PDB file of N, CA and C in Angstrom:
ATOM      1  N   MET A   1     -52.647-108.077  97.542  1.00  0.00           N
ATOM      2  CA  MET A   1     -51.787-108.853  96.670  1.00  0.00           C
ATOM      3  C   MET A   1     -50.347-108.639  97.115  1.00  0.00           C
ATOM      4  N   SER A   2     -49.578-109.723  97.041  1.00  0.00           N
ATOM      5  CA  SER A   2     -48.168-109.623  97.374  1.00  0.00           C
ATOM      6  C   SER A   2     -47.339-109.962  96.133  1.00  0.00           C
ATOM      7  N   ILE A   3     -46.042-109.905  96.266  1.00  0.00           N
ATOM      8  CA  ILE A   3     -45.173-110.254  95.136  1.00  0.00           C
ATOM      9  C   ILE A   3     -45.169-111.765  94.933  1.00  0.00           C
ATOM     10  N   ILE A   4     -45.042-112.529  96.014  1.00  0.00           N
ATOM     11  CA  ILE A   4     -44.992-113.986  95.933  1.00  0.00           C
ATOM     12  C   ILE A   4     -46.273-114.576  96.519  1.00  0.00           C
ATOM     13  N   GLY A   5     -46.852-115.520  95.814  1.00  0.00           N
ATOM     14  CA  GLY A   5     -48.062-116.207  96.246  1.00  0.00           C
ATOM     15  C   GLY A   5     -48.732-116.825  95.035  1.00  0.00           C
ATOM     16  N   PRO A   6     -49.715-117.661  95.240  1.00  0.00           N
ATOM     17  CA  PRO A   6     -50.409-118.242  94.084  1.00  0.00           C
ATOM     18  C   PRO A   6     -51.022-117.146  93.220  1.00  0.00           C
ATOM     19  N   ARG A   7     -50.910-117.279  91.906  1.00  0.00           N
ATOM     20  CA  ARG A   7     -51.526-116.304  91.015  1.00  0.00           C
ATOM     21  C   ARG A   7     -53.033-116.312  91.222  1.00  0.00           C
ATOM     22  N   PRO A   8     -53.679-115.159  91.181  1.00  0.00           N
ATOM     23  CA  PRO A   8     -55.133-115.132  91.351  1.00  0.00           C
ATOM     24  C   PRO A   8     -55.818-115.846  90.188  1.00  0.00           C
ATOM     25  N   ALA A   9     -56.863-116.578  90.510  1.00  0.00           N
ATOM     26  CA  ALA A   9     -57.650-117.241  89.471  1.00  0.00           C
ATOM     27  C   ALA A   9     -58.538-116.204  88.786  1.00  0.00           C
ATOM     28  N   LEU A  10     -58.796-116.402  87.523  1.00  0.00           N
ATOM     29  CA  LEU A  10     -59.719-115.535  86.805  1.00  0.00           C
ATOM     30  C   LEU A  10     -61.134-115.791  87.289  1.00  0.00           C
ATOM     31  N   TRP A  11     -62.010-114.861  87.065  1.00  0.00           N
ATOM     32  CA  TRP A  11     -63.381-114.955  87.563  1.00  0.00           C
ATOM     33  C   TRP A  11     -64.114-116.188  87.031  1.00  0.00           C
ATOM     34  N   ASN A  12     -63.716-116.701  85.879  1.00  0.00           N
ATOM     35  CA  ASN A  12     -64.412-117.836  85.285  1.00  0.00           C
ATOM     36  C   ASN A  12     -63.664-119.168  85.448  1.00  0.00           C
ATOM     37  N   GLN A  13     -62.642-119.198  86.269  1.00  0.00           N
ATOM     38  CA  GLN A  13     -61.862-120.425  86.473  1.00  0.00           C
ATOM     39  C   GLN A  13     -62.375-121.187  87.698  1.00  0.00           C
ATOM     40  N   TYR A  14     -63.629-121.592  87.634  1.00  0.00           N
ATOM     41  CA  TYR A  14     -64.262-122.286  88.754  1.00  0.00           C
ATOM     42  C   TYR A  14     -63.545-123.583  89.088  1.00  0.00           C
ATOM     43  N   ASP A  15     -63.074-124.288  88.050  1.00  0.00           N
ATOM     44  CA  ASP A  15     -62.381-125.558  88.281  1.00  0.00           C
ATOM     45  C   ASP A  15     -61.083-125.355  89.059  1.00  0.00           C
ATOM     46  N   LEU A  16     -60.344-124.303  88.750  1.00  0.00           N
ATOM     47  CA  LEU A  16     -59.103-124.015  89.468  1.00  0.00           C
ATOM     48  C   LEU A  16     -59.405-123.611  90.909  1.00  0.00           C
ATOM     49  N   ILE A  17     -60.394-122.766  91.098  1.00  0.00           N
ATOM     50  CA  ILE A  17     -60.769-122.321  92.443  1.00  0.00           C
ATOM     51  C   ILE A  17     -61.195-123.515  93.296  1.00  0.00           C
ATOM     52  N   GLU A  18     -62.011-124.380  92.723  1.00  0.00           N
ATOM     53  CA  GLU A  18     -62.478-125.566  93.441  1.00  0.00           C
ATOM     54  C   GLU A  18     -61.318-126.506  93.785  1.00  0.00           C
ATOM     55  N   GLU A  19     -60.415-126.695  92.852  1.00  0.00           N
ATOM     56  CA  GLU A  19     -59.266-127.586  93.074  1.00  0.00           C
ATOM     57  C   GLU A  19     -58.328-126.996  94.133  1.00  0.00           C
ATOM     58  N   ARG A  20     -58.134-125.679  94.106  1.00  0.00           N
ATOM     59  CA  ARG A  20     -57.274-125.030  95.105  1.00  0.00           C
ATOM     60  C   ARG A  20     -57.846-125.150  96.514  1.00  0.00           C
ATOM     61  N   ASP A  21     -59.171-125.183  96.619  1.00  0.00           N
ATOM     62  CA  ASP A  21     -59.806-125.354  97.931  1.00  0.00           C
ATOM     63  C   ASP A  21     -59.377-126.660  98.587  1.00  0.00           C
ATOM     64  N   LYS A  22     -59.170-127.691  97.801  1.00  0.00           N
ATOM     65  CA  LYS A  22     -58.754-128.999  98.323  1.00  0.00           C
ATOM     66  C   LYS A  22     -57.394-128.927  99.012  1.00  0.00           C
ATOM     67  N   TYR A  23     -56.544-128.019  98.540  1.00  0.00           N
ATOM     68  CA  TYR A  23     -55.172-127.914  99.039  1.00  0.00           C
ATOM     69  C   TYR A  23     -54.944-126.713  99.948  1.00  0.00           C
ATOM     70  N   GLY A  24     -55.953-125.906 100.174  1.00  0.00           N
ATOM     71  CA  GLY A  24     -55.826-124.743 101.036  1.00  0.00           C
ATOM     72  C   GLY A  24     -55.124-123.565 100.386  1.00  0.00           C
ATOM     73  N   ALA A  25     -54.983-123.600  99.075  1.00  0.00           N
ATOM     74  CA  ALA A  25     -54.268-122.532  98.368  1.00  0.00           C
ATOM     75  C   ALA A  25     -55.079-121.250  98.269  1.00  0.00           C
ATOM     76  N   ASN A  26     -56.389-121.325  98.445  1.00  0.00           N
ATOM     77  CA  ASN A  26     -57.216-120.118  98.395  1.00  0.00           C
ATOM     78  C   ASN A  26     -57.184-119.352  99.708  1.00  0.00           C
ATOM     79  N   ASP A  27     -56.508-119.925 100.721  1.00  0.00           N
ATOM     80  CA  ASP A  27     -56.463-119.303 102.043  1.00  0.00           C
ATOM     81  C   ASP A  27     -55.257-118.391 102.246  1.00  0.00           C
ATOM     82  N   VAL A  28     -54.383-118.294 101.238  1.00  0.00           N
ATOM     83  CA  VAL A  28     -53.200-117.436 101.357  1.00  0.00           C
ATOM     84  C   VAL A  28     -53.327-116.261 100.392  1.00  0.00           C
ATOM     85  N   THR A  29     -52.581-115.216 100.653  1.00  0.00           N
ATOM     86  CA  THR A  29     -52.606-114.023  99.813  1.00  0.00           C
ATOM     87  C   THR A  29     -52.067-114.346  98.427  1.00  0.00           C
ATOM     88  N   VAL A  30     -52.777-113.904  97.402  1.00  0.00           N
ATOM     89  CA  VAL A  30     -52.338-114.121  96.024  1.00  0.00           C
ATOM     90  C   VAL A  30     -51.139-113.239  95.713  1.00  0.00           C
ATOM     91  N   GLY A  31     -50.402-113.593  94.667  1.00  0.00           N
ATOM     92  CA  GLY A  31     -49.211-112.835  94.320  1.00  0.00           C
ATOM     93  C   GLY A  31     -49.002-112.723  92.827  1.00  0.00           C
ATOM     94  N   LEU A  32     -47.953-112.023  92.470  1.00  0.00           N
ATOM     95  CA  LEU A  32     -47.601-111.851  91.065  1.00  0.00           C
ATOM     96  C   LEU A  32     -46.940-113.096  90.490  1.00  0.00           C
ATOM     97  N   THR A  33     -46.227-113.830  91.318  1.00  0.00           N
ATOM     98  CA  THR A  33     -45.578-115.064  90.900  1.00  0.00           C
ATOM     99  C   THR A  33     -45.620-116.046  92.057  1.00  0.00           C
ATOM    100  N   GLY A  34     -45.520-117.305  91.732  1.00  0.00           N
ATOM    101  CA  GLY A  34     -45.588-118.316  92.779  1.00  0.00           C
ATOM    102  C   GLY A  34     -44.937-119.623  92.371  1.00  0.00           C
ATOM    103  N   TRP A  35     -45.087-120.636  93.225  1.00  0.00           N
ATOM    104  CA  TRP A  35     -44.461-121.937  93.040  1.00  0.00           C
ATOM    105  C   TRP A  35     -44.924-122.606  91.742  1.00  0.00           C
ATOM    106  N   ALA A  36     -46.191-122.499  91.404  1.00  0.00           N
ATOM    107  CA  ALA A  36     -46.698-123.105  90.172  1.00  0.00           C
ATOM    108  C   ALA A  36     -46.129-122.405  88.936  1.00  0.00           C
ATOM    109  N   GLN A  37     -45.889-121.111  89.029  1.00  0.00           N
ATOM    110  CA  GLN A  37     -45.382-120.377  87.869  1.00  0.00           C
ATOM    111  C   GLN A  37     -43.954-120.768  87.525  1.00  0.00           C
ATOM    112  N   ILE A  38     -43.150-121.108  88.511  1.00  0.00           N
ATOM    113  CA  ILE A  38     -41.773-121.483  88.192  1.00  0.00           C
ATOM    114  C   ILE A  38     -41.641-122.980  87.942  1.00  0.00           C
ATOM    115  N   ASN A  39     -42.737-123.705  88.072  1.00  0.00           N
ATOM    116  CA  ASN A  39     -42.720-125.145  87.833  1.00  0.00           C
ATOM    117  C   ASN A  39     -43.603-125.547  86.663  1.00  0.00           C
ATOM    118  N   GLY A  40     -43.784-124.654  85.697  1.00  0.00           N
ATOM    119  CA  GLY A  40     -44.515-125.045  84.503  1.00  0.00           C
ATOM    120  C   GLY A  40     -45.420-124.004  83.877  1.00  0.00           C
ATOM    121  N   ARG A  41     -45.832-123.017  84.617  1.00  0.00           N
ATOM    122  CA  ARG A  41     -46.716-121.953  84.110  1.00  0.00           C
ATOM    123  C   ARG A  41     -47.865-122.480  83.260  1.00  0.00           C
ATOM    124  N   ASP A  42     -47.931-122.099  81.989  1.00  0.00           N
ATOM    125  CA  ASP A  42     -49.046-122.453  81.106  1.00  0.00           C
ATOM    126  C   ASP A  42     -49.098-123.940  80.768  1.00  0.00           C
ATOM    127  N   GLU A  43     -48.005-124.644  80.947  1.00  0.00           N
ATOM    128  CA  GLU A  43     -47.965-126.057  80.594  1.00  0.00           C
ATOM    129  C   GLU A  43     -48.683-126.947  81.611  1.00  0.00           C
ATOM    130  N   LEU A  44     -48.991-126.421  82.775  1.00  0.00           N
ATOM    131  CA  LEU A  44     -49.573-127.222  83.848  1.00  0.00           C
ATOM    132  C   LEU A  44     -51.072-127.430  83.694  1.00  0.00           C
ATOM    133  N   GLU A  45     -51.502-128.633  84.002  1.00  0.00           N
ATOM    134  CA  GLU A  45     -52.934-128.926  84.079  1.00  0.00           C
ATOM    135  C   GLU A  45     -53.469-128.296  85.367  1.00  0.00           C
ATOM    136  N   ILE A  46     -54.770-128.086  85.431  1.00  0.00           N
ATOM    137  CA  ILE A  46     -55.405-127.431  86.571  1.00  0.00           C
ATOM    138  C   ILE A  46     -55.092-128.145  87.886  1.00  0.00           C
ATOM    139  N   ASP A  47     -55.192-129.469  87.910  1.00  0.00           N
ATOM    140  CA  ASP A  47     -54.965-130.199  89.161  1.00  0.00           C
ATOM    141  C   ASP A  47     -53.520-130.098  89.632  1.00  0.00           C
ATOM    142  N   VAL A  48     -52.581-130.077  88.707  1.00  0.00           N
ATOM    143  CA  VAL A  48     -51.166-129.948  89.068  1.00  0.00           C
ATOM    144  C   VAL A  48     -50.876-128.537  89.582  1.00  0.00           C
ATOM    145  N   LYS A  49     -51.432-127.542  88.902  1.00  0.00           N
ATOM    146  CA  LYS A  49     -51.246-126.145  89.318  1.00  0.00           C
ATOM    147  C   LYS A  49     -51.801-125.935  90.728  1.00  0.00           C
ATOM    148  N   ALA A  50     -52.984-126.487  90.990  1.00  0.00           N
ATOM    149  CA  ALA A  50     -53.605-126.352  92.308  1.00  0.00           C
ATOM    150  C   ALA A  50     -52.774-127.059  93.377  1.00  0.00           C
ATOM    151  N   ARG A  51     -52.229-128.230  93.048  1.00  0.00           N
ATOM    152  CA  ARG A  51     -51.402-128.973  94.004  1.00  0.00           C
ATOM    153  C   ARG A  51     -50.136-128.183  94.335  1.00  0.00           C
ATOM    154  N   LEU A  52     -49.511-127.575  93.325  1.00  0.00           N
ATOM    155  CA  LEU A  52     -48.315-126.764  93.562  1.00  0.00           C
ATOM    156  C   LEU A  52     -48.647-125.517  94.379  1.00  0.00           C
ATOM    157  N   ASP A  53     -49.783-124.894  94.106  1.00  0.00           N
ATOM    158  CA  ASP A  53     -50.207-123.743  94.900  1.00  0.00           C
ATOM    159  C   ASP A  53     -50.453-124.158  96.349  1.00  0.00           C
ATOM    160  N   GLY A  54     -51.009-125.350  96.529  1.00  0.00           N
ATOM    161  CA  GLY A  54     -51.219-125.881  97.875  1.00  0.00           C
ATOM    162  C   GLY A  54     -49.912-126.181  98.576  1.00  0.00           C
ATOM    163  N   GLU A  55     -48.931-126.660  97.820  1.00  0.00           N
ATOM    164  CA  GLU A  55     -47.600-126.922  98.383  1.00  0.00           C
ATOM    165  C   GLU A  55     -46.972-125.618  98.866  1.00  0.00           C
ATOM    166  N   TYR A  56     -47.151-124.558  98.075  1.00  0.00           N
ATOM    167  CA  TYR A  56     -46.655-123.243  98.499  1.00  0.00           C
ATOM    168  C   TYR A  56     -47.336-122.818  99.795  1.00  0.00           C
ATOM    169  N   ALA A  57     -48.655-122.968  99.851  1.00  0.00           N
ATOM    170  CA  ALA A  57     -49.415-122.568 101.044  1.00  0.00           C
ATOM    171  C   ALA A  57     -48.950-123.347 102.268  1.00  0.00           C
ATOM    172  N   GLU A  58     -48.588-124.592 102.071  1.00  0.00           N
ATOM    173  CA  GLU A  58     -48.120-125.447 103.160  1.00  0.00           C
ATOM    174  C   GLU A  58     -46.735-125.036 103.659  1.00  0.00           C
ATOM    175  N   LYS A  59     -45.869-124.631 102.735  1.00  0.00           N
ATOM    176  CA  LYS A  59     -44.467-124.326 103.062  1.00  0.00           C
ATOM    177  C   LYS A  59     -44.188-122.828 103.084  1.00  0.00           C
ATOM    178  N   ILE A  60     -45.226-122.015 103.149  1.00  0.00           N
ATOM    179  CA  ILE A  60     -45.070-120.566 103.063  1.00  0.00           C
ATOM    180  C   ILE A  60     -44.066-120.066 104.106  1.00  0.00           C
ATOM    181  N   GLY A  61     -43.199-119.173 103.660  1.00  0.00           N
ATOM    182  CA  GLY A  61     -42.186-118.607 104.539  1.00  0.00           C
ATOM    183  C   GLY A  61     -41.112-117.918 103.718  1.00  0.00           C
ATOM    184  N   LEU A  62     -40.140-117.365 104.391  1.00  0.00           N
ATOM    185  CA  LEU A  62     -39.089-116.606 103.720  1.00  0.00           C
ATOM    186  C   LEU A  62     -38.311-117.457 102.719  1.00  0.00           C
ATOM    187  N   LEU A  63     -37.924-118.663 103.104  1.00  0.00           N
ATOM    188  CA  LEU A  63     -37.140-119.518 102.203  1.00  0.00           C
ATOM    189  C   LEU A  63     -37.925-119.842 100.931  1.00  0.00           C
ATOM    190  N   MET A  64     -39.190-120.183 101.074  1.00  0.00           N
ATOM    191  CA  MET A  64     -40.019-120.499  99.905  1.00  0.00           C
ATOM    192  C   MET A  64     -40.199-119.267  99.026  1.00  0.00           C
ATOM    193  N   ASP A  65     -40.387-118.104  99.628  1.00  0.00           N
ATOM    194  CA  ASP A  65     -40.528-116.868  98.860  1.00  0.00           C
ATOM    195  C   ASP A  65     -39.248-116.534  98.101  1.00  0.00           C
ATOM    196  N   VAL A  66     -38.106-116.747  98.716  1.00  0.00           N
ATOM    197  CA  VAL A  66     -36.821-116.491  98.045  1.00  0.00           C
ATOM    198  C   VAL A  66     -36.657-117.448  96.865  1.00  0.00           C
ATOM    199  N   ARG A  67     -37.003-118.720  97.060  1.00  0.00           N
ATOM    200  CA  ARG A  67     -36.916-119.700  95.970  1.00  0.00           C
ATOM    201  C   ARG A  67     -37.818-119.295  94.808  1.00  0.00           C
ATOM    202  N   CYS A  68     -39.023-118.861  95.126  1.00  0.00           N
ATOM    203  CA  CYS A  68     -39.958-118.430  94.081  1.00  0.00           C
ATOM    204  C   CYS A  68     -39.454-117.181  93.369  1.00  0.00           C
ATOM    205  N   PHE A  69     -38.934-116.236  94.117  1.00  0.00           N
ATOM    206  CA  PHE A  69     -38.453-114.984  93.533  1.00  0.00           C
ATOM    207  C   PHE A  69     -37.332-115.240  92.530  1.00  0.00           C
ATOM    208  N   PHE A  70     -36.294-115.951  92.956  1.00  0.00           N
ATOM    209  CA  PHE A  70     -35.166-116.201  92.054  1.00  0.00           C
ATOM    210  C   PHE A  70     -35.529-117.202  90.960  1.00  0.00           C
ATOM    211  N   GLY A  71     -36.404-118.149  91.279  1.00  0.00           N
ATOM    212  CA  GLY A  71     -36.883-119.083  90.259  1.00  0.00           C
ATOM    213  C   GLY A  71     -37.652-118.365  89.167  1.00  0.00           C
ATOM    214  N   THR A  72     -38.392-117.335  89.536  1.00  0.00           N
ATOM    215  CA  THR A  72     -39.135-116.550  88.559  1.00  0.00           C
ATOM    216  C   THR A  72     -38.187-115.836  87.604  1.00  0.00           C
ATOM    217  N   ILE A  73     -37.137-115.260  88.136  1.00  0.00           N
ATOM    218  CA  ILE A  73     -36.168-114.560  87.293  1.00  0.00           C
ATOM    219  C   ILE A  73     -35.587-115.517  86.260  1.00  0.00           C
ATOM    220  N   PHE A  74     -35.166-116.697  86.699  1.00  0.00           N
ATOM    221  CA  PHE A  74     -34.585-117.667  85.774  1.00  0.00           C
ATOM    222  C   PHE A  74     -35.620-118.194  84.779  1.00  0.00           C
ATOM    223  N   SER A  75     -36.848-118.427  85.224  1.00  0.00           N
ATOM    224  CA  SER A  75     -37.902-118.914  84.329  1.00  0.00           C
ATOM    225  C   SER A  75     -38.235-117.892  83.249  1.00  0.00           C
ATOM    226  N   VAL A  76     -38.294-116.632  83.627  1.00  0.00           N
ATOM    227  CA  VAL A  76     -38.600-115.572  82.662  1.00  0.00           C
ATOM    228  C   VAL A  76     -37.470-115.445  81.643  1.00  0.00           C
ATOM    229  N   LEU A  77     -36.245-115.481  82.103  1.00  0.00           N
ATOM    230  CA  LEU A  77     -35.120-115.360  81.178  1.00  0.00           C
ATOM    231  C   LEU A  77     -35.058-116.519  80.186  1.00  0.00           C
ATOM    232  N   ARG A  78     -35.477-117.714  80.630  1.00  0.00           N
ATOM    233  CA  ARG A  78     -35.456-118.894  79.754  1.00  0.00           C
ATOM    234  C   ARG A  78     -36.782-119.099  79.031  1.00  0.00           C
ATOM    235  N   SER A  79     -37.811-118.308  79.337  1.00  0.00           N
ATOM    236  CA  SER A  79     -39.166-118.466  78.786  1.00  0.00           C
ATOM    237  C   SER A  79     -39.723-119.854  79.050  1.00  0.00           C
ATOM    238  N   ASP A  80     -39.406-120.419  80.191  1.00  0.00           N
ATOM    239  CA  ASP A  80     -39.898-121.743  80.560  1.00  0.00           C
ATOM    240  C   ASP A  80     -41.398-121.736  80.779  1.00  0.00           C
ATOM    241  N   GLY A  81     -42.075-122.723  80.213  1.00  0.00           N
ATOM    242  CA  GLY A  81     -43.494-122.929  80.476  1.00  0.00           C
ATOM    243  C   GLY A  81     -44.431-121.966  79.800  1.00  0.00           C
ATOM    244  N   VAL A  82     -43.947-121.144  78.892  1.00  0.00           N
ATOM    245  CA  VAL A  82     -44.812-120.183  78.226  1.00  0.00           C
ATOM    246  C   VAL A  82     -45.372-120.826  76.960  1.00  0.00           C
ATOM    247  N   VAL A  83     -46.700-120.840  76.863  1.00  0.00           N
ATOM    248  CA  VAL A  83     -47.377-121.357  75.686  1.00  0.00           C
ATOM    249  C   VAL A  83     -48.254-120.248  75.154  1.00  0.00           C
ATOM    250  N   GLU A  84     -48.046-119.864  73.902  1.00  0.00           N
ATOM    251  CA  GLU A  84     -48.824-118.793  73.296  1.00  0.00           C
ATOM    252  C   GLU A  84     -50.290-119.173  73.290  1.00  0.00           C
ATOM    253  N   GLY A  85     -51.143-118.324  73.827  1.00  0.00           N
ATOM    254  CA  GLY A  85     -52.574-118.567  73.816  1.00  0.00           C
ATOM    255  C   GLY A  85     -53.108-119.252  75.052  1.00  0.00           C
ATOM    256  N   GLY A  86     -52.268-119.513  76.059  1.00  0.00           N
ATOM    257  CA  GLY A  86     -52.790-120.059  77.305  1.00  0.00           C
ATOM    258  C   GLY A  86     -52.357-121.464  77.605  1.00  0.00           C
ATOM    259  N   PRO A  87     -53.130-122.171  78.442  1.00  0.00           N
ATOM    260  CA  PRO A  87     -52.758-123.504  78.899  1.00  0.00           C
ATOM    261  C   PRO A  87     -52.583-124.480  77.747  1.00  0.00           C
ATOM    262  N   GLY A  88     -51.599-125.322  77.873  1.00  0.00           N
ATOM    263  CA  GLY A  88     -51.303-126.324  76.859  1.00  0.00           C
ATOM    264  C   GLY A  88     -49.915-126.861  77.086  1.00  0.00           C
ATOM    265  N   THR A  89     -49.372-127.517  76.100  1.00  0.00           N
ATOM    266  CA  THR A  89     -48.016-128.025  76.219  1.00  0.00           C
ATOM    267  C   THR A  89     -47.218-127.642  74.990  1.00  0.00           C
ATOM    268  N   LYS A  90     -45.964-127.352  75.200  1.00  0.00           N
ATOM    269  CA  LYS A  90     -45.073-127.047  74.096  1.00  0.00           C
ATOM    270  C   LYS A  90     -44.625-128.340  73.440  1.00  0.00           C
ATOM    271  N   THR A  91     -44.538-128.314  72.148  1.00  0.00           N
ATOM    272  CA  THR A  91     -43.964-129.445  71.446  1.00  0.00           C
ATOM    273  C   THR A  91     -42.517-129.124  71.144  1.00  0.00           C
ATOM    274  N   LYS A  92     -41.754-130.135  70.733  1.00  0.00           N
ATOM    275  CA  LYS A  92     -40.365-129.902  70.393  1.00  0.00           C
ATOM    276  C   LYS A  92     -40.249-128.902  69.256  1.00  0.00           C
ATOM    277  N   ALA A  93     -41.160-128.968  68.283  1.00  0.00           N
ATOM    278  CA  ALA A  93     -41.151-128.026  67.165  1.00  0.00           C
ATOM    279  C   ALA A  93     -41.368-126.591  67.649  1.00  0.00           C
ATOM    280  N   ASP A  94     -42.263-126.422  68.636  1.00  0.00           N
ATOM    281  CA  ASP A  94     -42.503-125.086  69.179  1.00  0.00           C
ATOM    282  C   ASP A  94     -41.237-124.534  69.824  1.00  0.00           C
ATOM    283  N   LYS A  95     -40.523-125.374  70.560  1.00  0.00           N
ATOM    284  CA  LYS A  95     -39.315-124.936  71.243  1.00  0.00           C
ATOM    285  C   LYS A  95     -38.218-124.592  70.241  1.00  0.00           C
ATOM    286  N   GLU A  96     -38.142-125.357  69.150  1.00  0.00           N
ATOM    287  CA  GLU A  96     -37.131-125.093  68.128  1.00  0.00           C
ATOM    288  C   GLU A  96     -37.404-123.762  67.423  1.00  0.00           C
ATOM    289  N   SER A  97     -38.682-123.468  67.136  1.00  0.00           N
ATOM    290  CA  SER A  97     -39.013-122.223  66.443  1.00  0.00           C
ATOM    291  C   SER A  97     -38.736-121.005  67.313  1.00  0.00           C
ATOM    292  N   VAL A  98     -38.831-121.157  68.630  1.00  0.00           N
ATOM    293  CA  VAL A  98     -38.529-120.054  69.543  1.00  0.00           C
ATOM    294  C   VAL A  98     -37.036-119.748  69.528  1.00  0.00           C
ATOM    295  N   LYS A  99     -36.210-120.778  69.400  1.00  0.00           N
ATOM    296  CA  LYS A  99     -34.754-120.591  69.421  1.00  0.00           C
ATOM    297  C   LYS A  99     -34.255-119.879  68.163  1.00  0.00           C
ATOM    298  N   GLN A 100     -34.978-119.977  67.060  1.00  0.00           N
ATOM    299  CA  GLN A 100     -34.507-119.389  65.790  1.00  0.00           C
ATOM    300  C   GLN A 100     -34.770-117.952  65.701  1.00  0.00           C
TER     301      GLN A 100
END
């Protein structure tokens, strides 16, 4: 495992694993954070997450890793894409309650 790379799929996420195979995202080392995490995290559908992981695998390199690293810091500070309880989408009401 590395710091930057697609997040590892859970053992029961067959749909994500299968979708990532289409984009070659399963062929790179997994990481703690990656391109999909800074572009939506829990809000992303499986096919979008797999496509973003594939985009990372395609553009892998120092520049992409730096973008992911600093993007992660900003995403965490803003709590972007975090949905309590897992995959889904935030509503405007959810975002307002977080600000209070």
